[in-house]
Amino acid sequence: MSEKRDKTIEEMIETAAEAACLETEGVACMVQLTSDMIAESILGKNPSKGIKLSKDADGYNVDVYADVFFGCRIPETAWNIQENVKQRIEANTAAKVNKINIHIEGVKPKEEV
């Protein structure tokens, strides 16, 4: 039962992190990891949505994989992602976040509105 509870908490953390990241100015989209796509097709596992979690005794470590829009300031955008993701996770789940690693996988052209 504890394993099922942990899985539910991790899904909540992933969802909160994804939403916070996508709401950050300059973020174009989340990037699904190749290993997750393979696991999804072979094992039927749910994709990671561009978020990878690991847990240790002190709390969670979060890796965020995203593309940003051309013209954004990448260091500033990465910092804002970290702040938004940490705030959202800790507010919505009461889980402690140790660190958030940002992986900018690519740059997308900003579409005309």
N, C-alpha and C. Protein backbone atom coordinates (compact mmCIF):
# COMPACT_ATOMS: atom_id res chain seq x y z
N MET A 1 0.82 -1.19 0.00
CA MET A 1 0.00 0.00 0.00
C MET A 1 0.87 1.26 0.00
N SER A 2 1.96 1.22 0.72
CA SER A 2 2.86 2.37 0.78
C SER A 2 3.47 2.66 -0.59
N GLU A 3 3.75 1.61 -1.35
CA GLU A 3 4.32 1.79 -2.69
C GLU A 3 3.31 2.48 -3.61
N LYS A 4 2.05 2.10 -3.50
CA LYS A 4 1.00 2.73 -4.30
C LYS A 4 0.84 4.20 -3.92
N ARG A 5 0.93 4.48 -2.62
CA ARG A 5 0.83 5.86 -2.13
C ARG A 5 1.98 6.70 -2.65
N ASP A 6 3.20 6.15 -2.61
CA ASP A 6 4.37 6.85 -3.12
C ASP A 6 4.24 7.14 -4.61
N LYS A 7 3.70 6.19 -5.36
CA LYS A 7 3.52 6.38 -6.80
C LYS A 7 2.52 7.50 -7.06
N THR A 8 1.45 7.56 -6.28
CA THR A 8 0.45 8.62 -6.43
C THR A 8 1.06 9.97 -6.11
N ILE A 9 1.85 10.06 -5.06
CA ILE A 9 2.52 11.31 -4.69
C ILE A 9 3.47 11.75 -5.80
N GLU A 10 4.22 10.80 -6.35
CA GLU A 10 5.15 11.12 -7.43
C GLU A 10 4.41 11.62 -8.67
N GLU A 11 3.26 11.03 -8.97
CA GLU A 11 2.46 11.51 -10.11
C GLU A 11 1.96 12.93 -9.86
N MET A 12 1.57 13.22 -8.63
CA MET A 12 1.13 14.57 -8.28
C MET A 12 2.27 15.57 -8.42
N ILE A 13 3.46 15.17 -7.98
CA ILE A 13 4.64 16.04 -8.09
C ILE A 13 4.97 16.30 -9.55
N GLU A 14 4.95 15.24 -10.38
CA GLU A 14 5.24 15.40 -11.80
C GLU A 14 4.24 16.34 -12.47
N THR A 15 2.97 16.18 -12.14
CA THR A 15 1.93 17.03 -12.73
C THR A 15 2.11 18.48 -12.30
N ALA A 16 2.38 18.71 -11.02
CA ALA A 16 2.59 20.07 -10.51
C ALA A 16 3.82 20.70 -11.16
N ALA A 17 4.89 19.93 -11.29
CA ALA A 17 6.13 20.44 -11.89
C ALA A 17 5.93 20.78 -13.36
N GLU A 18 5.23 19.92 -14.07
CA GLU A 18 4.97 20.17 -15.49
C GLU A 18 4.15 21.44 -15.67
N ALA A 19 3.09 21.59 -14.90
CA ALA A 19 2.23 22.78 -15.01
C ALA A 19 3.02 24.05 -14.69
N ALA A 20 3.82 24.01 -13.63
CA ALA A 20 4.61 25.18 -13.25
C ALA A 20 5.62 25.54 -14.33
N CYS A 21 6.23 24.55 -14.92
CA CYS A 21 7.22 24.79 -15.97
C CYS A 21 6.56 25.41 -17.19
N LEU A 22 5.45 24.85 -17.62
CA LEU A 22 4.77 25.35 -18.82
C LEU A 22 4.22 26.76 -18.63
N GLU A 23 3.97 27.17 -17.40
CA GLU A 23 3.48 28.51 -17.13
C GLU A 23 4.61 29.54 -17.04
N THR A 24 5.84 29.08 -17.09
CA THR A 24 7.00 29.97 -17.00
C THR A 24 7.24 30.64 -18.34
N GLU A 25 7.40 31.94 -18.30
CA GLU A 25 7.64 32.70 -19.53
C GLU A 25 8.93 32.23 -20.20
N GLY A 26 8.85 31.99 -21.49
CA GLY A 26 10.01 31.54 -22.25
C GLY A 26 10.03 30.05 -22.53
N VAL A 27 9.22 29.28 -21.81
CA VAL A 27 9.19 27.83 -22.01
C VAL A 27 8.25 27.50 -23.17
N ALA A 28 8.77 26.78 -24.15
CA ALA A 28 7.98 26.40 -25.32
C ALA A 28 7.21 25.11 -25.08
N CYS A 29 7.90 24.09 -24.55
CA CYS A 29 7.26 22.79 -24.32
C CYS A 29 8.16 21.92 -23.46
N MET A 30 7.58 20.86 -22.95
CA MET A 30 8.34 19.87 -22.20
C MET A 30 8.90 18.86 -23.22
N VAL A 31 9.99 18.20 -22.86
CA VAL A 31 10.63 17.25 -23.77
C VAL A 31 10.62 15.87 -23.11
N GLN A 32 10.01 14.92 -23.80
CA GLN A 32 9.96 13.55 -23.30
C GLN A 32 11.29 12.87 -23.59
N LEU A 33 11.81 12.17 -22.61
CA LEU A 33 13.09 11.48 -22.76
C LEU A 33 12.95 10.25 -23.67
N THR A 34 13.97 9.99 -24.45
CA THR A 34 13.95 8.84 -25.36
C THR A 34 13.75 7.55 -24.59
N SER A 35 14.39 7.41 -23.44
CA SER A 35 14.25 6.19 -22.64
C SER A 35 12.82 6.00 -22.18
N ASP A 36 12.11 7.10 -21.89
CA ASP A 36 10.72 7.00 -21.48
C ASP A 36 9.82 6.61 -22.65
N MET A 37 10.14 7.10 -23.85
CA MET A 37 9.36 6.72 -25.03
C MET A 37 9.49 5.23 -25.30
N ILE A 38 10.70 4.69 -25.12
CA ILE A 38 10.93 3.26 -25.32
C ILE A 38 10.17 2.46 -24.27
N ALA A 39 10.26 2.90 -23.01
CA ALA A 39 9.55 2.20 -21.94
C ALA A 39 8.04 2.24 -22.18
N GLU A 40 7.56 3.35 -22.69
CA GLU A 40 6.12 3.48 -22.98
C GLU A 40 5.70 2.49 -24.05
N SER A 41 6.48 2.39 -25.12
CA SER A 41 6.09 1.52 -26.23
C SER A 41 6.26 0.03 -25.90
N ILE A 42 7.30 -0.31 -25.15
CA ILE A 42 7.55 -1.72 -24.84
C ILE A 42 6.77 -2.19 -23.62
N LEU A 43 6.83 -1.40 -22.54
CA LEU A 43 6.26 -1.83 -21.27
C LEU A 43 4.89 -1.23 -20.97
N GLY A 44 4.47 -0.28 -21.79
CA GLY A 44 3.18 0.35 -21.56
C GLY A 44 3.18 1.33 -20.40
N LYS A 45 4.36 1.78 -19.98
CA LYS A 45 4.46 2.75 -18.88
C LYS A 45 4.06 4.13 -19.37
N ASN A 46 3.57 4.95 -18.44
CA ASN A 46 3.23 6.33 -18.76
C ASN A 46 4.49 7.13 -19.01
N PRO A 47 4.45 8.04 -20.00
CA PRO A 47 5.62 8.88 -20.25
C PRO A 47 5.85 9.86 -19.11
N SER A 48 7.06 10.38 -19.00
CA SER A 48 7.44 11.22 -17.87
C SER A 48 7.00 12.67 -18.00
N LYS A 49 6.55 13.11 -19.15
CA LYS A 49 6.12 14.49 -19.36
C LYS A 49 7.28 15.47 -19.23
N GLY A 50 8.50 15.02 -19.39
CA GLY A 50 9.65 15.92 -19.28
C GLY A 50 10.12 16.15 -17.85
N ILE A 51 9.62 15.38 -16.92
CA ILE A 51 10.00 15.50 -15.51
C ILE A 51 10.53 14.15 -15.04
N LYS A 52 11.67 14.17 -14.39
CA LYS A 52 12.24 12.95 -13.82
C LYS A 52 12.47 13.19 -12.33
N LEU A 53 11.95 12.29 -11.50
CA LEU A 53 12.07 12.42 -10.05
C LEU A 53 12.99 11.36 -9.47
N SER A 54 13.70 11.74 -8.44
CA SER A 54 14.41 10.76 -7.62
C SER A 54 14.20 11.19 -6.17
N LYS A 55 14.13 10.22 -5.30
CA LYS A 55 13.86 10.50 -3.89
C LYS A 55 15.00 9.98 -3.05
N ASP A 56 15.39 10.80 -2.07
CA ASP A 56 16.36 10.34 -1.09
C ASP A 56 15.78 10.61 0.30
N ALA A 57 16.56 10.43 1.33
CA ALA A 57 16.07 10.57 2.71
C ALA A 57 15.57 11.98 3.01
N ASP A 58 16.13 12.98 2.34
CA ASP A 58 15.78 14.37 2.64
C ASP A 58 14.61 14.91 1.83
N GLY A 59 14.26 14.27 0.72
CA GLY A 59 13.18 14.77 -0.12
C GLY A 59 13.38 14.37 -1.57
N TYR A 60 12.85 15.18 -2.46
CA TYR A 60 12.87 14.87 -3.89
C TYR A 60 13.88 15.73 -4.64
N ASN A 61 14.49 15.11 -5.65
CA ASN A 61 15.32 15.81 -6.63
C ASN A 61 14.55 15.75 -7.94
N VAL A 62 14.46 16.89 -8.60
CA VAL A 62 13.64 16.99 -9.81
C VAL A 62 14.53 17.40 -10.98
N ASP A 63 14.41 16.67 -12.07
CA ASP A 63 15.07 17.04 -13.33
C ASP A 63 13.97 17.45 -14.30
N VAL A 64 14.12 18.63 -14.89
CA VAL A 64 13.15 19.19 -15.82
C VAL A 64 13.80 19.27 -17.20
N TYR A 65 13.13 18.72 -18.20
CA TYR A 65 13.61 18.73 -19.58
C TYR A 65 12.64 19.55 -20.41
N ALA A 66 13.12 20.66 -20.97
CA ALA A 66 12.23 21.57 -21.70
C ALA A 66 12.93 22.23 -22.87
N ASP A 67 12.12 22.67 -23.81
CA ASP A 67 12.57 23.54 -24.90
C ASP A 67 12.14 24.96 -24.55
N VAL A 68 12.91 25.94 -24.99
CA VAL A 68 12.57 27.34 -24.75
C VAL A 68 12.39 28.05 -26.09
N PHE A 69 11.76 29.23 -26.04
CA PHE A 69 11.58 30.02 -27.24
C PHE A 69 12.85 30.80 -27.57
N PHE A 70 13.10 30.95 -28.86
CA PHE A 70 14.21 31.77 -29.33
C PHE A 70 14.04 33.19 -28.81
N GLY A 71 15.13 33.76 -28.34
CA GLY A 71 15.11 35.13 -27.85
C GLY A 71 14.95 35.27 -26.35
N CYS A 72 14.59 34.19 -25.68
CA CYS A 72 14.48 34.30 -24.21
C CYS A 72 15.89 34.22 -23.61
N ARG A 73 16.03 34.75 -22.44
CA ARG A 73 17.30 34.64 -21.72
C ARG A 73 17.32 33.31 -20.99
N ILE A 74 18.14 32.40 -21.46
CA ILE A 74 18.12 31.04 -20.95
C ILE A 74 18.44 30.97 -19.46
N PRO A 75 19.50 31.64 -18.95
CA PRO A 75 19.75 31.56 -17.50
C PRO A 75 18.58 32.07 -16.66
N GLU A 76 17.98 33.18 -17.11
CA GLU A 76 16.85 33.76 -16.37
C GLU A 76 15.64 32.82 -16.44
N THR A 77 15.40 32.24 -17.60
CA THR A 77 14.27 31.31 -17.76
C THR A 77 14.49 30.07 -16.90
N ALA A 78 15.71 29.54 -16.88
CA ALA A 78 16.01 28.37 -16.06
C ALA A 78 15.80 28.67 -14.58
N TRP A 79 16.24 29.84 -14.15
CA TRP A 79 16.05 30.24 -12.74
C TRP A 79 14.56 30.32 -12.42
N ASN A 80 13.78 30.92 -13.32
CA ASN A 80 12.33 31.06 -13.10
C ASN A 80 11.64 29.70 -13.06
N ILE A 81 12.10 28.78 -13.90
CA ILE A 81 11.55 27.42 -13.87
C ILE A 81 11.80 26.80 -12.49
N GLN A 82 13.04 26.92 -12.01
CA GLN A 82 13.38 26.36 -10.69
C GLN A 82 12.47 26.92 -9.60
N GLU A 83 12.34 28.23 -9.58
CA GLU A 83 11.53 28.88 -8.55
C GLU A 83 10.06 28.45 -8.64
N ASN A 84 9.50 28.46 -9.85
CA ASN A 84 8.10 28.12 -10.04
C ASN A 84 7.81 26.66 -9.70
N VAL A 85 8.69 25.77 -10.14
CA VAL A 85 8.50 24.34 -9.89
C VAL A 85 8.59 24.06 -8.39
N LYS A 86 9.61 24.59 -7.72
CA LYS A 86 9.75 24.34 -6.29
C LYS A 86 8.55 24.86 -5.51
N GLN A 87 8.14 26.08 -5.83
CA GLN A 87 7.00 26.69 -5.13
C GLN A 87 5.73 25.86 -5.35
N ARG A 88 5.48 25.46 -6.58
CA ARG A 88 4.26 24.70 -6.88
C ARG A 88 4.25 23.34 -6.20
N ILE A 89 5.37 22.62 -6.26
CA ILE A 89 5.43 21.29 -5.64
C ILE A 89 5.22 21.40 -4.14
N GLU A 90 5.95 22.29 -3.50
CA GLU A 90 5.87 22.38 -2.04
C GLU A 90 4.52 22.91 -1.57
N ALA A 91 3.87 23.76 -2.36
CA ALA A 91 2.56 24.28 -1.98
C ALA A 91 1.45 23.25 -2.18
N ASN A 92 1.53 22.49 -3.27
CA ASN A 92 0.44 21.57 -3.61
C ASN A 92 0.58 20.18 -3.01
N THR A 93 1.78 19.77 -2.66
CA THR A 93 1.96 18.39 -2.20
C THR A 93 2.58 18.28 -0.81
N ALA A 94 3.13 19.35 -0.29
CA ALA A 94 3.83 19.35 1.00
C ALA A 94 5.09 18.48 0.96
N ALA A 95 5.53 18.09 -0.24
CA ALA A 95 6.78 17.34 -0.39
C ALA A 95 7.95 18.31 -0.35
N LYS A 96 9.06 17.89 0.22
CA LYS A 96 10.25 18.73 0.27
C LYS A 96 11.07 18.51 -1.00
N VAL A 97 11.52 19.61 -1.60
CA VAL A 97 12.34 19.55 -2.81
C VAL A 97 13.77 19.92 -2.44
N ASN A 98 14.70 19.02 -2.70
CA ASN A 98 16.12 19.27 -2.42
C ASN A 98 16.75 20.13 -3.51
N LYS A 99 16.58 19.69 -4.75
CA LYS A 99 17.18 20.44 -5.86
C LYS A 99 16.38 20.21 -7.12
N ILE A 100 16.52 21.17 -8.02
CA ILE A 100 15.86 21.10 -9.32
C ILE A 100 16.91 21.37 -10.38
N ASN A 101 17.12 20.40 -11.24
CA ASN A 101 18.07 20.53 -12.34
C ASN A 101 17.29 20.83 -13.61
N ILE A 102 17.71 21.86 -14.32
CA ILE A 102 17.04 22.26 -15.55
C ILE A 102 17.90 21.84 -16.74
N HIS A 103 17.27 21.14 -17.67
CA HIS A 103 17.94 20.69 -18.89
C HIS A 103 17.23 21.33 -20.07
N ILE A 104 17.86 22.33 -20.68
CA ILE A 104 17.28 22.97 -21.86
C ILE A 104 17.72 22.12 -23.05
N GLU A 105 16.75 21.46 -23.66
CA GLU A 105 17.03 20.50 -24.72
C GLU A 105 17.08 21.14 -26.10
N GLY A 106 16.41 22.28 -26.26
CA GLY A 106 16.40 22.90 -27.57
C GLY A 106 15.78 24.27 -27.54
N VAL A 107 15.83 24.94 -28.68
CA VAL A 107 15.26 26.28 -28.83
C VAL A 107 14.28 26.25 -30.00
N LYS A 108 13.08 26.76 -29.75
CA LYS A 108 12.02 26.78 -30.76
C LYS A 108 11.78 28.21 -31.22
N PRO A 109 11.41 28.39 -32.48
CA PRO A 109 11.07 29.75 -32.93
C PRO A 109 9.74 30.17 -32.30
N LYS A 110 9.66 31.42 -31.93
CA LYS A 110 8.42 31.93 -31.36
C LYS A 110 7.45 32.20 -32.50
N GLU A 111 6.29 31.60 -32.41
CA GLU A 111 5.30 31.75 -33.47
C GLU A 111 4.63 33.11 -33.37
N GLU A 112 4.29 33.66 -34.51
CA GLU A 112 3.59 34.95 -34.55
C GLU A 112 2.19 34.77 -33.99
N VAL A 113 1.75 35.71 -33.19
CA VAL A 113 0.40 35.62 -32.60
C VAL A 113 -0.54 36.51 -33.38
